[in-house]
Amino acid sequence: MLARGEQALEFEAGVVSAGSTTQLSGSTSPVPGSTSRRGGSTTPKARDVVLYVHLSEAALTSGDELAPAWIENAAGHLVTTGQVAEWCRAGSTTGTTRITVRPVLDLAETLHSTGYQPSPTLTEQIELRDRTCVFPWCQRPARGCDKDHIIPWESGGPTSSDNLAALCRRHHRMKTHGGWTYTMLTPGEYLWHSPHGHTWLRDRTGTTDLSPSTVPSPSDPPDQ
């Protein structure tokens, strides 16, 4: 990053205002035409900032500057919503010159696409909802994953929110060719079955093994 003359996000920025129960994802990129340190200039590079903020009405009115926020492209690290507000403040030391506000996506809404490929809006909804590959214990970011039809398209499965999930290419192939199956219980909650009879629940909190404990056969020798 230093070789490219870019700056990291200022995680120690002062807090301003924010809410509680907030989740956030964002990305940063240099603004074309900004100066480089190589030419002798010490002016910080300006940045475009795109933020996804999900919060309740109570969060807007609480004024809690230390409420946690989740940043997608920072390996899931938590910062405060006050720090996020500081990055977006006009004229702040981070050099942000333009802020993009995108329409709110209801992650529980069922969206549909008419063809096999999901629309850009549906794709983004799946990526924001699942965050990572939904295979048990996989943490590959959803933005780099395939959007799998849980019920295959050729079997009549629709291209919709309730039939699409993020799967990395390896686990997509395991599901398609390896005998693994799964169902969506609720948006973002999946029940997986392995070809050997094991079962896992995968949701926002992680993976839970639901496989029953192995019961020894009466013919097995006793433990020594």
Protein backbone atom coordinates (compact mmCIF):
# COMPACT_ATOMS: atom_id res chain seq x y z
CA MET A 1 0.00 0.00 0.00
CA LEU A 2 2.84 2.40 0.79
CA ALA A 3 4.48 1.60 -2.55
CA ARG A 4 1.31 2.63 -4.34
CA GLY A 5 1.08 5.82 -2.32
CA GLU A 6 -2.26 4.87 -0.84
CA GLN A 7 -3.43 5.32 2.72
CA ALA A 8 -5.15 2.87 5.03
CA LEU A 9 -8.43 3.74 6.70
CA GLU A 10 -7.92 5.82 9.80
CA PHE A 11 -9.21 3.41 12.42
CA GLU A 12 -8.18 5.82 15.17
CA ALA A 13 -10.33 8.69 13.86
CA GLY A 14 -12.44 10.53 16.43
CA VAL A 15 -16.06 9.61 16.97
CA VAL A 16 -18.89 11.91 15.94
CA SER A 17 -22.38 10.43 15.89
CA ALA A 18 -23.98 7.11 15.13
CA GLY A 19 -26.48 4.56 16.29
CA SER A 20 -26.71 1.10 17.79
CA THR A 21 -27.38 -2.29 16.21
CA THR A 22 -25.57 -1.13 13.10
CA GLN A 23 -23.86 -3.24 10.47
CA LEU A 24 -21.81 -1.65 7.72
CA SER A 25 -19.88 -2.75 4.68
CA GLY A 26 -17.85 -0.56 2.44
CA SER A 27 -15.04 -0.14 -0.02
CA THR A 28 -12.49 2.55 -0.79
CA SER A 29 -10.62 3.45 -3.95
CA PRO A 30 -8.38 6.34 -5.10
CA VAL A 31 -10.04 9.20 -6.93
CA PRO A 32 -8.62 9.65 -10.46
CA GLY A 33 -6.31 12.62 -10.71
CA SER A 34 -5.13 12.56 -7.09
CA THR A 35 -1.46 13.24 -6.49
CA SER A 36 1.18 10.71 -5.52
CA ARG A 37 3.80 11.05 -2.81
CA ARG A 38 6.48 10.06 -5.33
CA GLY A 39 6.31 13.50 -6.95
CA GLY A 40 7.09 15.18 -3.65
CA SER A 41 3.54 16.11 -2.73
CA THR A 42 2.42 15.30 0.80
CA THR A 43 -1.26 15.98 0.14
CA PRO A 44 -3.33 12.94 1.17
CA LYS A 45 -5.11 11.17 -1.66
CA ALA A 46 -8.82 11.75 -1.89
CA ARG A 47 -11.06 8.68 -1.85
CA ASP A 48 -14.47 7.56 -2.93
CA VAL A 49 -16.32 5.77 -0.13
CA VAL A 50 -19.27 3.41 -0.65
CA LEU A 51 -20.96 2.31 2.58
CA TYR A 52 -23.79 -0.12 3.28
CA VAL A 53 -25.42 0.71 6.61
CA HIS A 54 -28.22 -1.39 8.13
CA LEU A 55 -29.78 0.08 11.24
CA SER A 56 -33.07 0.45 13.01
CA GLU A 57 -34.99 3.60 13.88
CA ALA A 58 -33.82 3.21 17.48
CA ALA A 59 -30.22 3.28 16.28
CA LEU A 60 -30.80 6.62 14.58
CA THR A 61 -31.99 8.25 17.79
CA SER A 62 -29.74 6.59 20.39
CA GLY A 63 -26.67 8.75 19.76
CA ASP A 64 -24.36 5.91 20.82
CA GLU A 65 -20.98 6.86 19.34
CA LEU A 66 -19.37 3.56 20.36
CA ALA A 67 -21.89 1.22 18.72
CA PRO A 68 -20.05 -1.42 16.65
CA ALA A 69 -20.01 -1.37 12.87
CA TRP A 70 -18.99 -4.21 10.55
CA ILE A 71 -16.80 -3.50 7.52
CA GLU A 72 -16.92 -5.99 4.69
CA ASN A 73 -13.48 -5.43 3.16
CA ALA A 74 -11.57 -5.32 6.45
CA ALA A 75 -11.77 -9.05 7.24
CA GLY A 76 -14.81 -8.49 9.44
CA HIS A 77 -13.03 -6.14 11.87
CA LEU A 78 -15.28 -4.06 14.07
CA VAL A 79 -15.04 -0.28 14.27
CA THR A 80 -17.37 2.22 15.86
CA THR A 81 -20.16 3.98 14.04
CA GLY A 82 -18.59 7.23 15.20
CA GLN A 83 -15.47 6.41 13.21
CA VAL A 84 -17.62 5.76 10.16
CA ALA A 85 -19.24 9.16 10.61
CA GLU A 86 -15.79 10.75 10.80
CA TRP A 87 -14.72 9.17 7.51
CA CYS A 88 -17.80 10.64 5.83
CA ARG A 89 -17.53 14.09 7.33
CA ALA A 90 -16.83 16.74 4.70
CA GLY A 91 -13.30 18.10 5.01
CA SER A 92 -12.15 15.33 7.37
CA THR A 93 -8.50 14.34 7.62
CA THR A 94 -9.21 11.15 5.65
CA GLY A 95 -9.62 13.17 2.46
CA THR A 96 -13.04 11.87 1.47
CA THR A 97 -14.45 14.10 -1.26
CA ARG A 98 -17.48 12.16 -2.50
CA ILE A 99 -20.00 9.95 -0.71
CA THR A 100 -22.26 7.54 -2.61
CA VAL A 101 -25.61 6.64 -1.07
CA ARG A 102 -27.28 3.58 -2.57
CA PRO A 103 -30.92 2.52 -2.20
CA VAL A 104 -31.67 0.34 0.79
CA LEU A 105 -31.90 -3.39 0.05
CA ASP A 106 -34.29 -5.38 2.21
CA LEU A 107 -32.30 -8.58 2.82
CA ALA A 108 -35.49 -10.46 3.75
CA GLU A 109 -37.38 -9.47 0.60
CA THR A 110 -37.82 -12.10 -2.13
CA LEU A 111 -36.52 -10.80 -5.46
CA HIS A 112 -36.89 -12.63 -8.77
CA SER A 113 -35.06 -12.71 -12.10
CA THR A 114 -36.65 -14.15 -15.22
CA GLY A 115 -33.57 -15.92 -16.61
CA TYR A 116 -30.82 -18.14 -15.24
CA GLN A 117 -28.50 -15.27 -14.31
CA PRO A 118 -29.61 -13.14 -11.33
CA SER A 119 -29.99 -9.42 -11.86
CA PRO A 120 -27.34 -7.08 -10.38
CA THR A 121 -29.75 -6.12 -7.58
CA LEU A 122 -30.52 -9.74 -6.74
CA THR A 123 -26.82 -10.63 -6.85
CA GLU A 124 -25.99 -7.81 -4.44
CA GLN A 125 -28.79 -8.85 -2.09
CA ILE A 126 -27.40 -12.41 -1.91
CA GLU A 127 -23.86 -11.13 -1.30
CA LEU A 128 -24.96 -8.77 1.49
CA ARG A 129 -27.23 -11.38 3.07
CA ASP A 130 -24.80 -14.33 3.08
CA ARG A 131 -21.50 -12.40 3.45
CA THR A 132 -19.48 -15.59 2.86
CA CYS A 133 -19.79 -18.96 1.16
CA VAL A 134 -22.58 -20.73 3.05
CA PHE A 135 -20.89 -24.16 3.09
CA PRO A 136 -20.11 -25.29 6.68
CA TRP A 137 -17.12 -23.39 8.09
CA CYS A 138 -16.17 -21.74 4.77
CA GLN A 139 -15.27 -18.05 5.06
CA ARG A 140 -14.63 -17.11 1.43
CA PRO A 141 -16.26 -13.69 0.81
CA ALA A 142 -19.62 -13.91 -0.96
CA ARG A 143 -18.62 -11.34 -3.59
CA GLY A 144 -16.15 -13.85 -5.03
CA CYS A 145 -18.59 -16.79 -4.91
CA ASP A 146 -20.97 -18.37 -7.41
CA LYS A 147 -24.67 -17.74 -6.88
CA ASP A 148 -25.97 -21.31 -6.64
CA HIS A 149 -29.53 -22.42 -7.40
CA ILE A 150 -30.37 -24.57 -4.37
CA ILE A 151 -33.02 -26.32 -6.46
CA PRO A 152 -31.23 -26.60 -9.82
CA TRP A 153 -32.43 -24.36 -12.63
CA GLU A 154 -32.86 -27.35 -14.94
CA SER A 155 -35.14 -28.96 -12.34
CA GLY A 156 -37.42 -25.93 -12.20
CA GLY A 157 -35.66 -23.99 -9.46
CA PRO A 158 -36.32 -20.24 -9.79
CA THR A 159 -33.71 -17.51 -9.89
CA SER A 160 -34.90 -15.82 -6.72
CA SER A 161 -33.76 -14.80 -3.25
CA ASP A 162 -35.25 -17.92 -1.66
CA ASN A 163 -33.45 -20.27 -4.07
CA LEU A 164 -30.01 -18.64 -4.41
CA ALA A 165 -27.04 -18.84 -2.06
CA ALA A 166 -23.37 -17.89 -2.22
CA LEU A 167 -21.06 -20.88 -2.75
CA CYS A 168 -17.38 -20.72 -3.58
CA ARG A 169 -16.39 -22.66 -6.70
CA ARG A 170 -15.03 -25.66 -4.77
CA HIS A 171 -18.12 -26.13 -2.62
CA HIS A 172 -20.40 -25.38 -5.56
CA ARG A 173 -18.84 -28.37 -7.34
CA MET A 174 -19.16 -30.53 -4.22
CA LYS A 175 -22.86 -29.70 -4.07
CA THR A 176 -23.35 -30.32 -7.80
CA HIS A 177 -21.22 -33.46 -8.21
CA GLY A 178 -20.31 -34.71 -4.72
CA GLY A 179 -23.63 -35.73 -3.22
CA TRP A 180 -23.93 -32.80 -0.79
CA THR A 181 -27.41 -31.24 -0.40
CA TYR A 182 -28.78 -28.27 1.48
CA THR A 183 -31.97 -26.32 2.01
CA MET A 184 -32.69 -22.74 3.04
CA LEU A 185 -34.64 -22.62 6.30
CA THR A 186 -34.89 -18.82 6.48
CA PRO A 187 -32.98 -16.13 4.56
CA GLY A 188 -29.32 -16.69 5.45
CA GLU A 189 -29.95 -19.95 7.39
CA TYR A 190 -29.05 -23.26 5.71
CA LEU A 191 -29.30 -26.93 6.63
CA TRP A 192 -26.58 -29.08 5.04
CA HIS A 193 -26.46 -32.87 4.59
CA SER A 194 -23.27 -34.72 3.62
CA PRO A 195 -23.29 -37.90 1.50
CA HIS A 196 -22.23 -39.79 4.67
CA GLY A 197 -25.27 -38.76 6.71
CA HIS A 198 -23.83 -35.82 8.67
CA THR A 199 -25.88 -32.66 9.17
CA TRP A 200 -24.85 -29.06 9.84
CA LEU A 201 -26.70 -25.80 10.39
CA ARG A 202 -25.01 -22.78 8.81
CA ASP A 203 -26.18 -19.26 9.70
CA ARG A 204 -24.82 -15.80 10.51
CA THR A 205 -23.34 -17.03 13.80
CA GLY A 206 -21.32 -19.82 12.17
CA THR A 207 -21.68 -23.59 11.78
CA THR A 208 -23.40 -25.96 14.21
CA ASP A 209 -22.89 -29.73 13.95
CA LEU A 210 -26.29 -31.41 14.25
CA SER A 211 -25.06 -34.94 13.58
CA PRO A 212 -26.08 -37.41 16.32
CA SER A 213 -23.40 -38.88 18.52
CA THR A 214 -22.09 -42.21 17.34
CA VAL A 215 -23.67 -45.09 19.23
CA PRO A 216 -21.34 -48.12 19.57
CA SER A 217 -22.58 -51.37 18.15
CA PRO A 218 -23.10 -54.27 20.63
CA SER A 219 -20.61 -56.24 18.58
CA ASP A 220 -17.87 -53.64 19.06
CA PRO A 221 -15.17 -54.57 21.59
CA PRO A 222 -15.28 -52.60 24.86
CA ASP A 223 -12.98 -49.62 25.26
CA GLN A 224 -9.74 -50.43 27.01
